[in-house]
Every structure is written in structure tokens, then in C-alpha cells.
Amino acid sequence: METISYTQVQALLKQVPQAKLQTAYRLLADLITGDTETLSFQEEYMSFSLNERCRIMAQQAEQMVAHYQKRTGE
């Protein structure tokens, strides 16, 4: 993984829409105060390849279809 500089992070943050700043702030605050030894589910998920993330999402979608079909009796 490439090294990312503070300048790159700052430039990216400047592009975050105003409506999403609170979410970005909470994420950064959690990164600072959280347990740095273990990855959150979201951090671990983003470390997967795009193909692996697509596979996981497809599996979850199938599970939800089965769940809703069971609930609605289809």
C-alpha cells in the first residue's frame, strides 16, 4: 500500500460535501481514539479487493432476498 501524506488527506477532505463532514469527522475521530491494533469491519472490508467486495455484497444480497421471501411467504 502506498504511503499517504497529510497533504493528500487534507486535499481529499476539502472535497467532502458539507452534508458529509460530520460523518468524515466521526470516522477520523474514531481512528484516533479507537483501538489501532484491530480493524473495524469497514476498514477490513475496504482492504479487500474489488472482486472480493463484489462477491461479499452479492452473497449478502442473496441472503436478503431469501430473508424477505421467507417473511412475505413468497
C-alpha atoms as a PDB file:
ATOM      1  CA  MET A   1       0.000   0.000   0.000  1.00  0.00           C
ATOM      2  CA  GLU A   2       1.346   3.417  -0.905  1.00  0.00           C
ATOM      3  CA  THR A   3       2.259   5.976   1.723  1.00  0.00           C
ATOM      4  CA  ILE A   4      -0.325   8.730   2.013  1.00  0.00           C
ATOM      5  CA  SER A   5       0.660  12.188   3.213  1.00  0.00           C
ATOM      6  CA  TYR A   6      -1.246  14.625   5.407  1.00  0.00           C
ATOM      7  CA  THR A   7      -1.415  16.933   2.400  1.00  0.00           C
ATOM      8  CA  GLN A   8      -3.223  14.260   0.362  1.00  0.00           C
ATOM      9  CA  VAL A   9      -5.699  13.665   3.190  1.00  0.00           C
ATOM     10  CA  GLN A  10      -6.302  17.398   3.603  1.00  0.00           C
ATOM     11  CA  ALA A  11      -6.886  17.797  -0.146  1.00  0.00           C
ATOM     12  CA  LEU A  12      -9.387  14.941  -0.065  1.00  0.00           C
ATOM     13  CA  LEU A  13     -11.179  16.379   2.965  1.00  0.00           C
ATOM     14  CA  LYS A  14     -11.602  19.696   1.169  1.00  0.00           C
ATOM     15  CA  GLN A  15     -13.684  17.823  -1.416  1.00  0.00           C
ATOM     16  CA  VAL A  16     -16.065  16.279   1.139  1.00  0.00           C
ATOM     17  CA  PRO A  17     -19.531  17.838   0.784  1.00  0.00           C
ATOM     18  CA  GLN A  18     -20.707  19.918   3.744  1.00  0.00           C
ATOM     19  CA  ALA A  19     -23.518  17.447   4.438  1.00  0.00           C
ATOM     20  CA  LYS A  20     -20.997  14.628   4.928  1.00  0.00           C
ATOM     21  CA  LEU A  21     -18.461  16.465   7.080  1.00  0.00           C
ATOM     22  CA  GLN A  22     -19.935  15.150  10.326  1.00  0.00           C
ATOM     23  CA  THR A  23     -19.534  11.563   9.128  1.00  0.00           C
ATOM     24  CA  ALA A  24     -15.957  12.214   7.982  1.00  0.00           C
ATOM     25  CA  TYR A  25     -15.153  13.874  11.318  1.00  0.00           C
ATOM     26  CA  ARG A  26     -16.544  10.948  13.327  1.00  0.00           C
ATOM     27  CA  LEU A  27     -14.584   8.473  11.221  1.00  0.00           C
ATOM     28  CA  LEU A  28     -11.338  10.382  11.759  1.00  0.00           C
ATOM     29  CA  ALA A  29     -12.037  10.804  15.473  1.00  0.00           C
ATOM     30  CA  ASP A  30     -12.709   7.070  15.789  1.00  0.00           C
ATOM     31  CA  LEU A  31      -9.442   6.317  14.033  1.00  0.00           C
ATOM     32  CA  ILE A  32      -7.586   8.431  16.570  1.00  0.00           C
ATOM     33  CA  THR A  33      -9.323   7.256  19.732  1.00  0.00           C
ATOM     34  CA  GLY A  34     -10.137   3.698  18.707  1.00  0.00           C
ATOM     35  CA  ASP A  35      -8.144   0.526  19.111  1.00  0.00           C
ATOM     36  CA  THR A  36      -5.457   0.809  16.449  1.00  0.00           C
ATOM     37  CA  GLU A  37      -4.486  -2.848  16.737  1.00  0.00           C
ATOM     38  CA  THR A  38      -7.751  -4.196  15.316  1.00  0.00           C
ATOM     39  CA  LEU A  39      -9.527  -3.119  12.167  1.00  0.00           C
ATOM     40  CA  SER A  40     -13.205  -2.248  12.188  1.00  0.00           C
ATOM     41  CA  PHE A  41     -15.440  -4.251   9.875  1.00  0.00           C
ATOM     42  CA  GLN A  42     -15.499  -1.289   7.483  1.00  0.00           C
ATOM     43  CA  GLU A  43     -11.703  -0.955   7.455  1.00  0.00           C
ATOM     44  CA  GLU A  44     -11.256  -4.665   6.914  1.00  0.00           C
ATOM     45  CA  TYR A  45     -13.884  -4.672   4.150  1.00  0.00           C
ATOM     46  CA  MET A  46     -12.151  -1.807   2.316  1.00  0.00           C
ATOM     47  CA  SER A  47      -8.853  -3.701   2.436  1.00  0.00           C
ATOM     48  CA  PHE A  48     -10.388  -6.474   0.271  1.00  0.00           C
ATOM     49  CA  SER A  49     -10.003  -6.435  -3.496  1.00  0.00           C
ATOM     50  CA  LEU A  50     -12.870  -5.042  -5.546  1.00  0.00           C
ATOM     51  CA  ASN A  51     -13.737  -8.552  -6.734  1.00  0.00           C
ATOM     52  CA  GLU A  52     -13.905  -9.836  -3.150  1.00  0.00           C
ATOM     53  CA  ARG A  53     -16.123  -6.920  -2.064  1.00  0.00           C
ATOM     54  CA  CYS A  54     -18.456  -7.610  -5.009  1.00  0.00           C
ATOM     55  CA  ARG A  55     -18.612 -11.287  -4.065  1.00  0.00           C
ATOM     56  CA  ILE A  56     -19.469 -10.416  -0.439  1.00  0.00           C
ATOM     57  CA  MET A  57     -22.168  -7.959  -1.489  1.00  0.00           C
ATOM     58  CA  ALA A  58     -23.692 -10.458  -3.920  1.00  0.00           C
ATOM     59  CA  GLN A  59     -23.800 -13.071  -1.161  1.00  0.00           C
ATOM     60  CA  GLN A  60     -25.438 -10.600   1.223  1.00  0.00           C
ATOM     61  CA  ALA A  61     -27.994  -9.662  -1.440  1.00  0.00           C
ATOM     62  CA  GLU A  62     -28.899 -13.315  -1.934  1.00  0.00           C
ATOM     63  CA  GLN A  63     -29.329 -13.732   1.812  1.00  0.00           C
ATOM     64  CA  MET A  64     -31.612 -10.704   1.991  1.00  0.00           C
ATOM     65  CA  VAL A  65     -33.749 -11.944  -0.914  1.00  0.00           C
ATOM     66  CA  ALA A  66     -34.203 -15.265   0.880  1.00  0.00           C
ATOM     67  CA  HIS A  67     -34.965 -13.442   4.129  1.00  0.00           C
ATOM     68  CA  TYR A  68     -37.647 -11.205   2.595  1.00  0.00           C
ATOM     69  CA  GLN A  69     -39.174 -14.042   0.604  1.00  0.00           C
ATOM     70  CA  LYS A  70     -39.469 -16.029   3.819  1.00  0.00           C
ATOM     71  CA  ARG A  71     -41.102 -13.076   5.602  1.00  0.00           C
ATOM     72  CA  THR A  72     -43.599 -12.387   2.827  1.00  0.00           C
ATOM     73  CA  GLY A  73     -44.361 -16.051   2.163  1.00  0.00           C
ATOM     74  CA  GLU A  74     -43.290 -15.990  -1.497  1.00  0.00           C
END
